[in-house]
Amino acid sequence: MLWLTWVGSGWLGFNRDDRIAIQFCGTKKSLATGLPMATVLFAGQPVGLIVLPLMIFHLTQLIACGVLAGRYARQWEAKQ
């Protein structure tokens, strides 16, 4: 999704700063929206085990975005 939001926003003509914002904001909804939906869909079941893959995916997203943020910061500092 990180790649798709970057390429898609470029294809739509957004500038670099907007593409970075789209990339970060467009991919962070997995745990925030997935957990309440899982609670409703799997009512009466151990939701913790069901959403464990989603929690791991969300953690992986946050780590990847941390790496990207550092990269973008270094590129910005090099331009200044």
N, C-alpha and C. Protein backbone atom coordinates (compact mmCIF):
# COMPACT_ATOMS: atom_id res chain seq x y z
N MET A 1 0.82 -1.20 0.00
CA MET A 1 0.00 0.00 0.00
C MET A 1 0.86 1.26 0.00
N LEU A 2 2.02 1.18 0.65
CA LEU A 2 2.91 2.34 0.64
C LEU A 2 3.33 2.68 -0.79
N TRP A 3 3.67 1.66 -1.53
CA TRP A 3 4.07 1.86 -2.92
C TRP A 3 2.89 2.37 -3.75
N LEU A 4 1.72 1.77 -3.56
CA LEU A 4 0.55 2.14 -4.34
C LEU A 4 0.14 3.59 -4.08
N THR A 5 0.17 4.02 -2.82
CA THR A 5 -0.20 5.41 -2.54
C THR A 5 0.82 6.39 -3.11
N TRP A 6 2.10 5.99 -3.12
CA TRP A 6 3.14 6.87 -3.69
C TRP A 6 2.98 6.99 -5.20
N VAL A 7 2.84 5.86 -5.87
CA VAL A 7 2.72 5.86 -7.33
C VAL A 7 1.39 6.47 -7.76
N GLY A 8 0.32 6.11 -7.08
CA GLY A 8 -1.00 6.64 -7.43
C GLY A 8 -1.09 8.15 -7.28
N SER A 9 -0.52 8.68 -6.21
CA SER A 9 -0.56 10.13 -6.02
C SER A 9 0.32 10.85 -7.04
N GLY A 10 1.40 10.22 -7.46
CA GLY A 10 2.23 10.80 -8.53
C GLY A 10 1.49 10.80 -9.85
N TRP A 11 0.78 9.71 -10.10
CA TRP A 11 0.02 9.60 -11.34
C TRP A 11 -1.10 10.65 -11.39
N LEU A 12 -1.63 11.00 -10.22
CA LEU A 12 -2.69 12.01 -10.16
C LEU A 12 -2.14 13.44 -10.18
N GLY A 13 -0.81 13.59 -10.17
CA GLY A 13 -0.21 14.90 -10.33
C GLY A 13 0.08 15.66 -9.05
N PHE A 14 0.08 15.02 -7.91
CA PHE A 14 0.39 15.71 -6.67
C PHE A 14 1.88 16.01 -6.57
N ASN A 15 2.24 17.09 -5.88
CA ASN A 15 3.65 17.41 -5.70
C ASN A 15 4.25 16.50 -4.63
N ARG A 16 5.56 16.56 -4.44
CA ARG A 16 6.27 15.64 -3.56
C ARG A 16 5.79 15.72 -2.12
N ASP A 17 5.61 16.93 -1.59
CA ASP A 17 5.15 17.08 -0.20
C ASP A 17 3.78 16.46 0.01
N ASP A 18 2.87 16.69 -0.93
CA ASP A 18 1.54 16.11 -0.83
C ASP A 18 1.58 14.59 -0.97
N ARG A 19 2.47 14.09 -1.82
CA ARG A 19 2.60 12.65 -1.99
C ARG A 19 3.07 11.98 -0.70
N ILE A 20 3.98 12.64 0.02
CA ILE A 20 4.45 12.09 1.29
C ILE A 20 3.29 12.05 2.29
N ALA A 21 2.51 13.11 2.36
CA ALA A 21 1.36 13.14 3.28
C ALA A 21 0.35 12.06 2.90
N ILE A 22 0.08 11.90 1.62
CA ILE A 22 -0.86 10.87 1.17
C ILE A 22 -0.32 9.49 1.51
N GLN A 23 0.96 9.29 1.32
CA GLN A 23 1.55 7.99 1.61
C GLN A 23 1.42 7.61 3.08
N PHE A 24 1.68 8.55 3.97
CA PHE A 24 1.60 8.24 5.39
C PHE A 24 0.16 8.15 5.88
N CYS A 25 -0.68 9.08 5.48
CA CYS A 25 -2.06 9.12 5.99
C CYS A 25 -2.94 8.06 5.33
N GLY A 26 -2.63 7.70 4.11
CA GLY A 26 -3.48 6.75 3.39
C GLY A 26 -3.28 5.31 3.77
N THR A 27 -2.27 5.00 4.58
CA THR A 27 -1.99 3.60 4.88
C THR A 27 -2.12 3.26 6.36
N LYS A 28 -2.51 4.16 7.20
CA LYS A 28 -2.51 3.90 8.65
C LYS A 28 -3.87 3.56 9.21
N LYS A 29 -4.78 3.11 8.43
CA LYS A 29 -6.13 2.89 8.91
C LYS A 29 -6.41 1.43 9.27
N SER A 30 -5.46 0.54 9.10
CA SER A 30 -5.72 -0.89 9.24
C SER A 30 -6.18 -1.28 10.65
N LEU A 31 -5.44 -0.91 11.67
CA LEU A 31 -5.79 -1.32 13.03
C LEU A 31 -6.95 -0.48 13.57
N ALA A 32 -6.96 0.79 13.26
CA ALA A 32 -8.00 1.68 13.78
C ALA A 32 -9.38 1.30 13.27
N THR A 33 -9.48 0.85 12.04
CA THR A 33 -10.78 0.45 11.51
C THR A 33 -11.01 -1.05 11.60
N GLY A 34 -9.95 -1.82 11.58
CA GLY A 34 -10.11 -3.27 11.58
C GLY A 34 -10.55 -3.85 12.91
N LEU A 35 -10.05 -3.31 14.00
CA LEU A 35 -10.38 -3.87 15.31
C LEU A 35 -11.87 -3.71 15.66
N PRO A 36 -12.47 -2.54 15.50
CA PRO A 36 -13.91 -2.45 15.77
C PRO A 36 -14.75 -3.34 14.85
N MET A 37 -14.34 -3.44 13.58
CA MET A 37 -15.09 -4.31 12.66
C MET A 37 -14.96 -5.77 13.08
N ALA A 38 -13.76 -6.18 13.50
CA ALA A 38 -13.56 -7.56 13.94
C ALA A 38 -14.38 -7.86 15.19
N THR A 39 -14.50 -6.89 16.09
CA THR A 39 -15.30 -7.07 17.30
C THR A 39 -16.76 -7.32 16.95
N VAL A 40 -17.25 -6.62 15.95
CA VAL A 40 -18.64 -6.81 15.53
C VAL A 40 -18.80 -8.11 14.74
N LEU A 41 -17.90 -8.37 13.82
CA LEU A 41 -18.02 -9.56 12.97
C LEU A 41 -17.83 -10.86 13.74
N PHE A 42 -16.94 -10.85 14.71
CA PHE A 42 -16.63 -12.06 15.45
C PHE A 42 -17.10 -11.96 16.90
N ALA A 43 -18.28 -11.45 17.11
CA ALA A 43 -18.83 -11.28 18.46
C ALA A 43 -18.91 -12.64 19.15
N GLY A 44 -18.47 -12.67 20.40
CA GLY A 44 -18.52 -13.90 21.17
C GLY A 44 -17.33 -14.82 20.95
N GLN A 45 -16.38 -14.41 20.14
CA GLN A 45 -15.20 -15.22 19.88
C GLN A 45 -13.97 -14.50 20.41
N PRO A 46 -12.87 -15.23 20.58
CA PRO A 46 -11.64 -14.58 21.07
C PRO A 46 -11.04 -13.67 19.99
N VAL A 47 -11.43 -12.42 20.02
CA VAL A 47 -11.03 -11.46 18.98
C VAL A 47 -9.52 -11.24 18.99
N GLY A 48 -8.88 -11.36 20.15
CA GLY A 48 -7.44 -11.12 20.24
C GLY A 48 -6.64 -12.01 19.29
N LEU A 49 -6.98 -13.28 19.24
CA LEU A 49 -6.27 -14.19 18.34
C LEU A 49 -6.62 -13.94 16.88
N ILE A 50 -7.84 -13.52 16.64
CA ILE A 50 -8.28 -13.28 15.26
C ILE A 50 -7.57 -12.06 14.68
N VAL A 51 -7.37 -11.02 15.48
CA VAL A 51 -6.77 -9.78 14.96
C VAL A 51 -5.25 -9.75 15.12
N LEU A 52 -4.65 -10.80 15.64
CA LEU A 52 -3.19 -10.82 15.79
C LEU A 52 -2.46 -10.56 14.48
N PRO A 53 -2.85 -11.19 13.36
CA PRO A 53 -2.18 -10.86 12.09
C PRO A 53 -2.33 -9.38 11.71
N LEU A 54 -3.48 -8.80 11.99
CA LEU A 54 -3.69 -7.38 11.72
C LEU A 54 -2.78 -6.51 12.58
N MET A 55 -2.58 -6.90 13.82
CA MET A 55 -1.70 -6.14 14.71
C MET A 55 -0.25 -6.23 14.25
N ILE A 56 0.16 -7.40 13.79
CA ILE A 56 1.52 -7.56 13.27
C ILE A 56 1.70 -6.74 12.00
N PHE A 57 0.69 -6.75 11.12
CA PHE A 57 0.74 -5.96 9.89
C PHE A 57 0.85 -4.47 10.22
N HIS A 58 0.07 -4.00 11.19
CA HIS A 58 0.10 -2.59 11.56
C HIS A 58 1.48 -2.20 12.11
N LEU A 59 2.06 -3.05 12.94
CA LEU A 59 3.40 -2.79 13.46
C LEU A 59 4.42 -2.72 12.33
N THR A 60 4.31 -3.62 11.36
CA THR A 60 5.21 -3.60 10.21
C THR A 60 5.06 -2.31 9.42
N GLN A 61 3.82 -1.84 9.27
CA GLN A 61 3.57 -0.57 8.59
C GLN A 61 4.26 0.58 9.31
N LEU A 62 4.14 0.62 10.63
CA LEU A 62 4.73 1.70 11.40
C LEU A 62 6.26 1.69 11.29
N ILE A 63 6.86 0.52 11.31
CA ILE A 63 8.31 0.42 11.17
C ILE A 63 8.73 0.89 9.79
N ALA A 64 8.03 0.44 8.75
CA ALA A 64 8.36 0.85 7.38
C ALA A 64 8.21 2.36 7.22
N CYS A 65 7.18 2.95 7.81
CA CYS A 65 6.99 4.39 7.71
C CYS A 65 8.05 5.15 8.49
N GLY A 66 8.54 4.58 9.58
CA GLY A 66 9.64 5.20 10.31
C GLY A 66 10.90 5.27 9.46
N VAL A 67 11.17 4.20 8.73
CA VAL A 67 12.32 4.17 7.82
C VAL A 67 12.13 5.20 6.71
N LEU A 68 10.93 5.23 6.13
CA LEU A 68 10.65 6.20 5.06
C LEU A 68 10.76 7.64 5.57
N ALA A 69 10.26 7.90 6.77
CA ALA A 69 10.32 9.26 7.31
C ALA A 69 11.77 9.70 7.49
N GLY A 70 12.62 8.81 7.96
CA GLY A 70 14.04 9.14 8.09
C GLY A 70 14.68 9.42 6.74
N ARG A 71 14.30 8.64 5.76
CA ARG A 71 14.83 8.85 4.40
C ARG A 71 14.38 10.19 3.83
N TYR A 72 13.08 10.48 3.99
CA TYR A 72 12.57 11.76 3.49
C TYR A 72 13.22 12.93 4.22
N ALA A 73 13.47 12.78 5.51
CA ALA A 73 14.11 13.86 6.30
C ALA A 73 15.54 14.10 5.80
N ARG A 74 16.28 13.02 5.54
CA ARG A 74 17.65 13.18 5.03
C ARG A 74 17.65 13.84 3.65
N GLN A 75 16.70 13.47 2.80
CA GLN A 75 16.62 14.09 1.47
C GLN A 75 16.28 15.58 1.60
N TRP A 76 15.39 15.93 2.51
CA TRP A 76 15.01 17.32 2.70
C TRP A 76 16.18 18.12 3.22
N GLU A 77 16.93 17.55 4.19
CA GLU A 77 18.10 18.25 4.75
C GLU A 77 19.17 18.44 3.69
N ALA A 78 19.34 17.49 2.80
CA ALA A 78 20.34 17.61 1.75
C ALA A 78 19.97 18.73 0.77
N LYS A 79 18.68 18.95 0.58
CA LYS A 79 18.25 20.04 -0.32
C LYS A 79 18.44 21.40 0.31
N GLN A 80 18.36 21.47 1.65
CA GLN A 80 18.44 22.77 2.33
C GLN A 80 19.84 23.25 2.39
